Amino acid sequence: MTLGLIVGLIVINYLDRSAVSYAVGPLESAFGITTAQYGIISSVFSVGYMVAAFLSGPLVDRFGCRRVLLVAVALFSVTTALIPVAGSFAGLLVVRLLLGVAEAPAFPAATRTVSRWLPIRERGVALALCGGVAVSGSLLVAGPLLTWLTDLVGWRGMFWTLALLGVAWAALAAVLLRDLPEESPRVDAAERALIAAGQESGAGAGRAPVRWRPLLTNRNLWVVAGGYFAWGFMFWGFMYWLPSFLSDAYGMSVRQAGAFAIAPWAAGIVGALAGGVVIDRIYRRSPRIRTRFAVMGVALLLAGASLIPLAVAPTLTVALISISLGVGFGFVTGGIWWVASIDAAPDQPGSAAGFADAAFAASGIVAPSVMGFIVSGTGSFSSGFVVMAALAVAGALLMLLVPREPTGSAARTGAPAGRAA
């Protein structure tokens, strides 16, 4: 039930943040914005998200997931409802900035929840559901769902419907969501003992203030952040620009682009599930942190290589296959970022996840704007795809070459990787 609530929250989050890409035309007409300004509006979401992700991790570790998430969901429901009445480019900037702030606690909360509710050997699949399947699944249904809602209630009504989904989630979570197994009346003593037996020795159970120095000097956590930025550039680029690419390059309507956009996100679901299963099996056979980085590195390398055909104006079929492979291989890492964050700082899982998520958000600042300026300046997406592929390869090399295996007490207590506690 707890994991289901978190997965549901992430689905709503990604429907909210991706909805703007299916309302580009109406937003440009209603508020008089340009294509380049749309890229900036997309990026400013990630400015708020980046700052709040970095801060919300410590808040989740200190005050627990339930309180932080209920406040966050109330805020992002209000800001989603305000998008259709923002009135101008400046108004959209402010609303999207606040939406980014409000949605930032989701992944730090998901990571802390999984770290406290599941044994370590089961976290790969669980976090793949949160960080991969929920994300790619929400984007899979976003095209047909959001275009259907737009036809049914108009583009403004689409945003208001999404806001109501957030309100419904908050009402359900207020009754069912608990921070720790021992706080839930639905968990018996045997289940609590099983969960506790599968925790890291240095994890700690309750809430505590963040310890910044071991967090900011953690080598492996910086590697996670760098790799997540590389994958994030590809992810955000396709999330915000895939419908426009399909429309501009192949003359599709918004509805057709939404239907064709299903394939890459379906591949993402497959990739995320595969990554979760693989990483849990690897841990059971060889509980070494570097093997997890190796899986991520190989996945990013394959993701970057998959995009090469996009640089030469391919046919629609080739483009969809290339993008689907790139997204599918990229999503193999979907849940592993969070597993690696817990590995790096098991005593501060929310803070570690917030640190990694801030790097992911930073790519969300860069990618939409870079893609927007490239399209405006060249009339083509090709150069943007080249940048995506190059960053994915760079991230792969970082994953494969830089991480260190914790030794001694660092491996037991979550002190900075590669250093003694």
Protein backbone atom coordinates (compact mmCIF):
# COMPACT_ATOMS: atom_id res chain seq x y z
CA MET A 1 0.00 0.00 0.00
CA THR A 2 2.78 2.44 0.94
CA LEU A 3 4.77 1.71 -2.22
CA GLY A 4 1.58 2.01 -4.28
CA LEU A 5 0.91 5.47 -2.88
CA ILE A 6 4.42 6.64 -3.75
CA VAL A 7 4.19 5.22 -7.28
CA GLY A 8 0.81 6.92 -7.71
CA LEU A 9 2.26 10.23 -6.58
CA ILE A 10 5.09 10.04 -9.09
CA VAL A 11 2.66 9.26 -11.91
CA ILE A 12 0.63 12.37 -11.02
CA ASN A 13 3.83 14.43 -10.77
CA TYR A 14 4.95 13.51 -14.25
CA LEU A 15 1.53 14.01 -15.78
CA ASP A 16 1.51 17.51 -14.28
CA ARG A 17 4.97 18.48 -15.45
CA SER A 18 4.61 16.98 -18.95
CA ALA A 19 1.15 18.47 -19.58
CA VAL A 20 2.65 21.74 -20.76
CA SER A 21 4.27 19.99 -23.75
CA TYR A 22 0.77 19.09 -25.01
CA ALA A 23 -0.44 22.67 -24.69
CA VAL A 24 2.38 24.50 -26.49
CA GLY A 25 0.14 25.86 -29.25
CA PRO A 26 -2.65 27.13 -26.96
CA LEU A 27 -0.13 28.63 -24.51
CA GLU A 28 1.70 30.45 -27.31
CA SER A 29 -1.59 31.79 -28.67
CA ALA A 30 -3.13 32.70 -25.32
CA PHE A 31 -0.09 34.34 -23.75
CA GLY A 32 1.91 35.42 -26.81
CA ILE A 33 5.05 33.40 -26.06
CA THR A 34 7.65 32.23 -28.60
CA THR A 35 9.24 28.82 -29.08
CA ALA A 36 12.42 29.98 -27.33
CA GLN A 37 10.36 31.35 -24.43
CA TYR A 38 8.60 27.98 -24.16
CA GLY A 39 12.02 26.41 -23.71
CA ILE A 40 12.75 28.88 -20.90
CA ILE A 41 9.39 28.15 -19.26
CA SER A 42 10.21 24.45 -19.37
CA SER A 43 13.63 25.10 -17.85
CA VAL A 44 12.43 27.32 -15.01
CA PHE A 45 10.43 24.40 -13.63
CA SER A 46 13.74 22.66 -13.06
CA VAL A 47 15.26 25.71 -11.37
CA GLY A 48 12.67 25.46 -8.63
CA TYR A 49 12.90 21.68 -8.66
CA MET A 50 16.69 21.67 -8.33
CA VAL A 51 16.81 24.00 -5.33
CA ALA A 52 13.89 22.32 -3.59
CA ALA A 53 15.19 18.80 -4.28
CA PHE A 54 18.46 19.65 -2.58
CA LEU A 55 16.59 21.06 0.45
CA SER A 56 13.67 18.63 0.58
CA GLY A 57 15.93 15.61 1.15
CA PRO A 58 17.05 16.93 4.57
CA LEU A 59 13.44 17.91 5.32
CA VAL A 60 12.27 14.37 4.58
CA ASP A 61 15.02 12.88 6.76
CA ARG A 62 14.20 15.33 9.56
CA PHE A 63 10.38 15.46 9.54
CA GLY A 64 9.38 12.29 7.68
CA CYS A 65 7.77 11.69 4.31
CA ARG A 66 4.13 12.07 5.28
CA ARG A 67 4.19 15.66 6.51
CA VAL A 68 6.47 16.91 3.74
CA LEU A 69 4.50 15.21 0.97
CA LEU A 70 1.08 16.42 2.12
CA VAL A 71 2.28 20.03 2.05
CA ALA A 72 4.01 19.52 -1.30
CA VAL A 73 0.97 17.93 -2.96
CA ALA A 74 -1.28 20.77 -1.80
CA LEU A 75 1.12 23.27 -3.37
CA PHE A 76 1.58 21.50 -6.69
CA SER A 77 -2.18 20.99 -7.07
CA VAL A 78 -2.73 24.75 -6.67
CA THR A 79 0.08 25.68 -9.06
CA THR A 80 -1.13 23.21 -11.71
CA ALA A 81 -4.57 24.82 -11.51
CA LEU A 82 -3.03 28.28 -11.98
CA ILE A 83 -1.20 27.50 -15.27
CA PRO A 84 -4.21 28.24 -17.54
CA VAL A 85 -4.80 31.62 -15.88
CA ALA A 86 -1.16 32.73 -15.58
CA GLY A 87 -1.88 35.43 -18.15
CA SER A 88 1.59 36.09 -19.54
CA PHE A 89 5.12 34.82 -20.06
CA ALA A 90 6.13 36.23 -16.66
CA GLY A 91 3.11 34.64 -14.98
CA LEU A 92 3.95 31.24 -16.47
CA LEU A 93 7.53 31.57 -15.27
CA VAL A 94 6.39 32.12 -11.68
CA VAL A 95 3.82 29.33 -11.72
CA ARG A 96 6.19 26.80 -13.29
CA LEU A 97 8.91 27.76 -10.80
CA LEU A 98 6.52 27.06 -7.91
CA LEU A 99 5.41 23.80 -9.52
CA GLY A 100 9.04 22.67 -9.60
CA VAL A 101 9.43 23.51 -5.91
CA ALA A 102 6.29 21.59 -5.01
CA GLU A 103 7.15 18.42 -6.95
CA ALA A 104 10.74 18.14 -5.72
CA PRO A 105 10.13 16.14 -2.49
CA ALA A 106 8.67 13.12 -4.33
CA PHE A 107 11.88 11.19 -5.06
CA PRO A 108 13.70 11.94 -1.78
CA ALA A 109 10.53 10.76 -0.05
CA ALA A 110 10.29 7.67 -2.28
CA THR A 111 13.92 6.77 -1.60
CA ARG A 112 13.58 7.16 2.16
CA THR A 113 10.31 5.23 2.17
CA VAL A 114 11.80 2.28 0.27
CA SER A 115 14.93 2.33 2.46
CA ARG A 116 12.82 2.10 5.62
CA TRP A 117 10.06 -0.24 4.40
CA LEU A 118 12.03 -2.82 2.40
CA PRO A 119 15.11 -5.02 2.97
CA ILE A 120 18.12 -4.00 0.92
CA ARG A 121 17.91 -7.07 -1.34
CA GLU A 122 14.43 -6.01 -2.58
CA ARG A 123 15.05 -2.33 -3.27
CA GLY A 124 16.12 -2.56 -6.90
CA VAL A 125 12.71 -3.56 -8.24
CA ALA A 126 10.87 -1.26 -5.81
CA LEU A 127 12.90 1.77 -6.80
CA ALA A 128 12.64 0.76 -10.45
CA LEU A 129 8.87 0.98 -10.00
CA CYS A 130 9.24 4.47 -8.51
CA GLY A 131 12.06 5.92 -10.59
CA GLY A 132 11.49 4.05 -13.83
CA VAL A 133 8.11 2.40 -14.36
CA ALA A 134 6.09 5.19 -12.75
CA VAL A 135 7.97 7.86 -14.72
CA SER A 136 7.96 6.15 -18.10
CA GLY A 137 4.46 4.79 -17.49
CA SER A 138 3.07 8.24 -16.79
CA LEU A 139 4.68 9.56 -19.97
CA LEU A 140 3.40 6.51 -21.85
CA VAL A 141 -0.20 7.41 -21.02
CA ALA A 142 0.37 11.17 -21.07
CA GLY A 143 0.00 11.56 -24.84
CA PRO A 144 -3.34 9.81 -25.32
CA LEU A 145 -4.69 10.82 -21.89
CA LEU A 146 -3.83 14.52 -22.07
CA THR A 147 -4.92 14.94 -25.67
CA TRP A 148 -8.18 13.13 -24.81
CA LEU A 149 -8.72 15.43 -21.83
CA THR A 150 -8.01 18.45 -24.02
CA ASP A 151 -10.67 17.32 -26.51
CA LEU A 152 -13.10 16.62 -23.67
CA VAL A 153 -12.72 19.65 -21.39
CA GLY A 154 -10.36 21.98 -23.28
CA TRP A 155 -6.69 22.67 -22.60
CA ARG A 156 -7.50 24.70 -19.49
CA GLY A 157 -9.76 21.96 -18.17
CA MET A 158 -6.92 19.47 -18.69
CA PHE A 159 -4.77 21.31 -16.13
CA TRP A 160 -7.66 21.66 -13.68
CA THR A 161 -8.41 17.93 -13.90
CA LEU A 162 -4.79 17.13 -13.09
CA ALA A 163 -4.99 19.44 -10.06
CA LEU A 164 -7.98 17.45 -8.77
CA LEU A 165 -5.95 14.23 -9.07
CA GLY A 166 -3.41 15.73 -6.67
CA VAL A 167 -6.15 16.61 -4.19
CA ALA A 168 -7.51 13.05 -4.35
CA TRP A 169 -4.03 11.61 -3.69
CA ALA A 170 -3.55 13.86 -0.65
CA ALA A 171 -6.87 12.74 0.85
CA LEU A 172 -5.89 9.08 0.44
CA ALA A 173 -2.37 9.59 1.78
CA ALA A 174 -3.60 11.44 4.85
CA VAL A 175 -5.35 8.24 5.89
CA LEU A 176 -2.94 5.53 4.69
CA LEU A 177 0.62 6.87 4.45
CA ARG A 178 3.03 6.35 7.38
CA ASP A 179 6.76 7.10 7.58
CA LEU A 180 7.90 3.89 9.29
CA PRO A 181 6.57 0.32 9.52
CA GLU A 182 6.22 0.58 13.30
CA GLU A 183 3.88 3.55 12.87
CA SER A 184 1.42 1.61 10.70
CA PRO A 185 -1.35 -0.47 12.31
CA ARG A 186 -1.42 -2.64 9.16
CA VAL A 187 2.10 -4.05 9.75
CA ASP A 188 2.41 -6.87 12.29
CA ALA A 189 5.41 -7.72 14.46
CA ALA A 190 6.70 -10.47 12.14
CA GLU A 191 6.74 -8.10 9.16
CA ARG A 192 8.54 -5.44 11.17
CA ALA A 193 11.19 -7.94 12.25
CA LEU A 194 11.71 -9.09 8.65
CA ILE A 195 12.15 -5.50 7.44
CA ALA A 196 14.53 -4.64 10.28
CA ALA A 197 16.67 -7.72 9.59
CA GLY A 198 17.24 -6.58 6.00
CA GLN A 199 18.40 -3.05 6.82
CA GLU A 200 22.00 -1.76 6.69
CA SER A 201 23.70 -1.70 10.07
CA GLY A 202 24.28 2.04 9.82
CA ALA A 203 20.91 2.99 8.41
CA GLY A 204 19.11 4.12 11.52
CA ALA A 205 15.35 3.98 11.75
CA GLY A 206 14.01 7.32 12.87
CA ARG A 207 14.24 10.94 11.78
CA ALA A 208 17.42 12.98 12.20
CA PRO A 209 18.96 16.26 11.00
CA VAL A 210 21.24 16.14 7.97
CA ARG A 211 25.01 15.89 8.36
CA TRP A 212 26.34 17.97 5.49
CA ARG A 213 30.08 17.24 5.50
CA PRO A 214 29.92 13.48 4.91
CA LEU A 215 27.22 14.07 2.32
CA LEU A 216 29.09 16.70 0.31
CA THR A 217 32.44 14.86 0.42
CA ASN A 218 30.97 11.53 -0.72
CA ARG A 219 32.79 10.53 -3.92
CA ASN A 220 30.27 7.97 -5.08
CA LEU A 221 27.38 10.34 -4.49
CA TRP A 222 29.04 12.90 -6.79
CA VAL A 223 29.43 10.16 -9.42
CA VAL A 224 25.72 9.37 -9.10
CA ALA A 225 24.93 13.05 -9.54
CA GLY A 226 27.14 13.40 -12.63
CA GLY A 227 25.71 10.33 -14.31
CA TYR A 228 22.16 11.36 -13.46
CA PHE A 229 22.76 14.76 -15.08
CA ALA A 230 23.91 13.02 -18.27
CA TRP A 231 20.85 10.76 -18.44
CA GLY A 232 18.63 13.67 -17.38
CA PHE A 233 19.61 15.77 -20.41
CA MET A 234 18.27 13.04 -22.70
CA PHE A 235 15.20 12.44 -20.57
CA TRP A 236 14.16 16.09 -20.24
CA GLY A 237 14.94 16.79 -23.88
CA PHE A 238 12.55 14.08 -25.04
CA MET A 239 9.95 14.81 -22.38
CA TYR A 240 9.54 18.44 -23.43
CA TRP A 241 10.39 18.27 -27.13
CA LEU A 242 9.39 14.83 -28.45
CA PRO A 243 5.83 15.88 -29.48
CA SER A 244 7.20 19.01 -31.17
CA PHE A 245 9.94 16.99 -32.94
CA LEU A 246 7.40 14.52 -34.32
CA SER A 247 5.10 17.35 -35.40
CA ASP A 248 7.79 19.49 -37.03
CA ALA A 249 9.87 16.75 -38.66
CA TYR A 250 7.04 14.52 -39.86
CA GLY A 251 4.03 16.85 -40.11
CA MET A 252 2.00 15.19 -37.38
CA SER A 253 -0.91 16.70 -35.50
CA VAL A 254 -0.67 16.98 -31.71
CA ARG A 255 -2.92 13.91 -31.35
CA GLN A 256 -0.80 11.88 -33.77
CA ALA A 257 2.41 12.97 -32.05
CA GLY A 258 0.94 11.91 -28.71
CA ALA A 259 0.09 8.48 -30.10
CA PHE A 260 3.53 7.94 -31.65
CA ALA A 261 5.23 9.14 -28.44
CA ILE A 262 3.91 6.01 -26.71
CA ALA A 263 6.67 3.77 -28.10
CA PRO A 264 9.70 5.37 -26.34
CA TRP A 265 7.99 5.45 -22.95
CA ALA A 266 6.81 1.84 -23.35
CA ALA A 267 10.45 0.95 -23.97
CA GLY A 268 11.26 2.89 -20.79
CA ILE A 269 8.95 0.67 -18.75
CA VAL A 270 10.66 -2.45 -20.07
CA GLY A 271 14.10 -0.98 -19.44
CA ALA A 272 13.25 0.11 -15.90
CA LEU A 273 11.86 -3.28 -14.92
CA ALA A 274 14.87 -5.04 -16.45
CA GLY A 275 17.23 -2.75 -14.56
CA GLY A 276 15.47 -3.38 -11.25
CA VAL A 277 15.51 -7.16 -11.66
CA VAL A 278 19.14 -7.22 -12.81
CA ILE A 279 20.41 -5.03 -9.98
CA ASP A 280 18.66 -7.09 -7.27
CA ARG A 281 20.06 -10.33 -8.72
CA ILE A 282 23.54 -8.83 -8.90
CA TYR A 283 23.33 -7.77 -5.26
CA ARG A 284 22.34 -11.28 -4.14
CA ARG A 285 25.31 -12.77 -6.00
CA SER A 286 27.88 -10.04 -5.37
CA PRO A 287 26.94 -7.21 -2.98
CA ARG A 288 29.53 -4.79 -4.38
CA ILE A 289 28.65 -1.20 -5.14
CA ARG A 290 30.84 -0.96 -8.24
CA THR A 291 28.80 -3.62 -10.05
CA ARG A 292 25.78 -1.33 -9.82
CA PHE A 293 27.75 1.51 -11.37
CA ALA A 294 28.89 -0.86 -14.12
CA VAL A 295 25.28 -1.69 -15.00
CA MET A 296 24.45 2.03 -15.18
CA GLY A 297 27.54 2.77 -17.24
CA VAL A 298 26.79 0.12 -19.85
CA ALA A 299 23.15 1.23 -20.05
CA LEU A 300 24.13 4.87 -20.65
CA LEU A 301 26.68 3.87 -23.27
CA LEU A 302 24.02 1.92 -25.18
CA ALA A 303 21.53 4.80 -24.78
CA GLY A 304 23.96 7.28 -26.32
CA ALA A 305 24.86 4.96 -29.18
CA SER A 306 21.18 4.42 -29.97
CA LEU A 307 20.70 8.10 -30.82
CA ILE A 308 23.34 8.24 -33.56
CA PRO A 309 20.82 7.74 -36.43
CA LEU A 310 18.91 10.86 -35.33
CA ALA A 311 21.76 13.08 -36.50
CA VAL A 312 21.08 12.28 -40.19
CA ALA A 313 17.36 13.05 -40.67
CA PRO A 314 16.04 9.47 -40.54
CA THR A 315 12.64 8.19 -41.61
CA LEU A 316 9.87 8.16 -39.00
CA THR A 317 10.31 4.43 -38.39
CA VAL A 318 14.06 4.71 -37.87
CA ALA A 319 13.61 7.76 -35.62
CA LEU A 320 11.09 5.99 -33.40
CA ILE A 321 13.27 2.88 -33.12
CA SER A 322 16.33 5.01 -32.29
CA ILE A 323 14.53 7.12 -29.68
CA SER A 324 12.83 4.06 -28.16
CA LEU A 325 16.14 2.24 -27.79
CA GLY A 326 17.78 5.33 -26.29
CA VAL A 327 14.97 5.84 -23.77
CA GLY A 328 14.73 2.10 -23.02
CA PHE A 329 18.44 1.71 -22.29
CA GLY A 330 18.45 4.97 -20.32
CA PHE A 331 15.59 3.79 -18.13
CA VAL A 332 17.55 0.68 -17.18
CA THR A 333 19.18 3.10 -14.74
CA GLY A 334 15.80 4.45 -13.57
CA GLY A 335 15.72 2.87 -10.14
CA ILE A 336 19.45 2.28 -9.73
CA TRP A 337 20.21 5.97 -9.13
CA TRP A 338 18.22 5.75 -5.93
CA VAL A 339 19.72 2.40 -4.90
CA ALA A 340 23.19 3.92 -5.43
CA SER A 341 22.18 6.99 -3.38
CA ILE A 342 21.15 4.77 -0.47
CA ASP A 343 24.41 2.82 -0.84
CA ALA A 344 26.38 6.04 -0.63
CA ALA A 345 24.64 7.39 2.48
CA PRO A 346 22.38 4.78 4.13
CA ASP A 347 22.03 6.90 7.27
CA GLN A 348 20.72 9.88 5.21
CA PRO A 349 18.79 8.34 2.30
CA GLY A 350 16.46 11.28 1.74
CA SER A 351 19.31 13.79 1.71
CA ALA A 352 21.40 11.63 -0.64
CA ALA A 353 18.44 11.22 -2.98
CA GLY A 354 17.79 14.97 -2.88
CA PHE A 355 21.41 15.63 -3.82
CA ALA A 356 21.19 13.27 -6.82
CA ASP A 357 17.77 14.59 -7.80
CA ALA A 358 19.10 18.15 -7.77
CA ALA A 359 21.67 17.12 -10.39
CA PHE A 360 18.89 15.56 -12.44
CA ALA A 361 16.92 18.78 -12.13
CA ALA A 362 19.95 20.79 -13.23
CA SER A 363 19.90 18.88 -16.52
CA GLY A 364 16.23 19.81 -16.73
CA ILE A 365 17.24 23.47 -16.60
CA VAL A 366 19.79 23.05 -19.36
CA ALA A 367 18.15 20.57 -21.75
CA PRO A 368 14.85 22.32 -22.64
CA SER A 369 16.54 25.69 -23.18
CA VAL A 370 19.42 24.23 -25.20
CA MET A 371 16.99 22.28 -27.37
CA GLY A 372 14.80 25.36 -27.78
CA PHE A 373 17.66 27.58 -28.89
CA ILE A 374 19.02 24.87 -31.21
CA VAL A 375 15.64 24.46 -32.90
CA SER A 376 15.10 28.21 -33.14
CA GLY A 377 18.59 28.80 -34.51
CA THR A 378 18.94 25.88 -36.93
CA GLY A 379 15.38 24.81 -37.69
CA SER A 380 16.40 21.23 -36.84
CA PHE A 381 16.70 18.95 -33.80
CA SER A 382 19.80 17.14 -35.08
CA SER A 383 22.41 19.09 -33.11
CA GLY A 384 20.38 18.62 -29.95
CA PHE A 385 20.40 14.86 -30.42
CA VAL A 386 24.18 14.94 -30.88
CA VAL A 387 24.51 16.73 -27.51
CA MET A 388 22.28 14.10 -25.88
CA ALA A 389 24.41 11.24 -27.21
CA ALA A 390 27.71 12.88 -26.22
CA LEU A 391 26.55 13.49 -22.65
CA ALA A 392 25.30 9.92 -22.32
CA VAL A 393 28.70 8.57 -23.35
CA ALA A 394 30.45 10.95 -20.93
CA GLY A 395 28.14 9.78 -18.14
CA ALA A 396 28.88 6.15 -19.01
CA LEU A 397 32.62 6.73 -18.69
CA LEU A 398 32.07 8.41 -15.31
CA MET A 399 30.07 5.41 -14.07
CA LEU A 400 32.60 2.87 -15.31
CA LEU A 401 35.85 4.53 -14.28
CA VAL A 402 35.42 6.74 -11.22
CA PRO A 403 33.43 5.00 -8.39
CA ARG A 404 35.18 3.43 -5.44
CA GLU A 405 34.16 0.49 -3.31
CA PRO A 406 33.69 1.58 0.34
CA THR A 407 36.13 -0.09 2.71
CA GLY A 408 36.21 -0.74 6.42
CA SER A 409 33.75 1.24 8.49
CA ALA A 410 32.71 3.35 5.51
CA ALA A 411 31.00 0.34 4.04
CA ARG A 412 29.07 -0.26 7.25
CA THR A 413 28.07 3.25 8.27
CA GLY A 414 27.64 5.16 5.05
CA ALA A 415 30.65 7.42 5.48
CA PRO A 416 32.02 8.94 2.27
CA ALA A 417 32.88 6.29 -0.27
CA GLY A 418 36.53 5.59 -0.62
CA ARG A 419 37.40 7.14 2.77
CA ALA A 420 37.60 5.69 6.23
CA ALA A 421 35.03 6.97 8.71
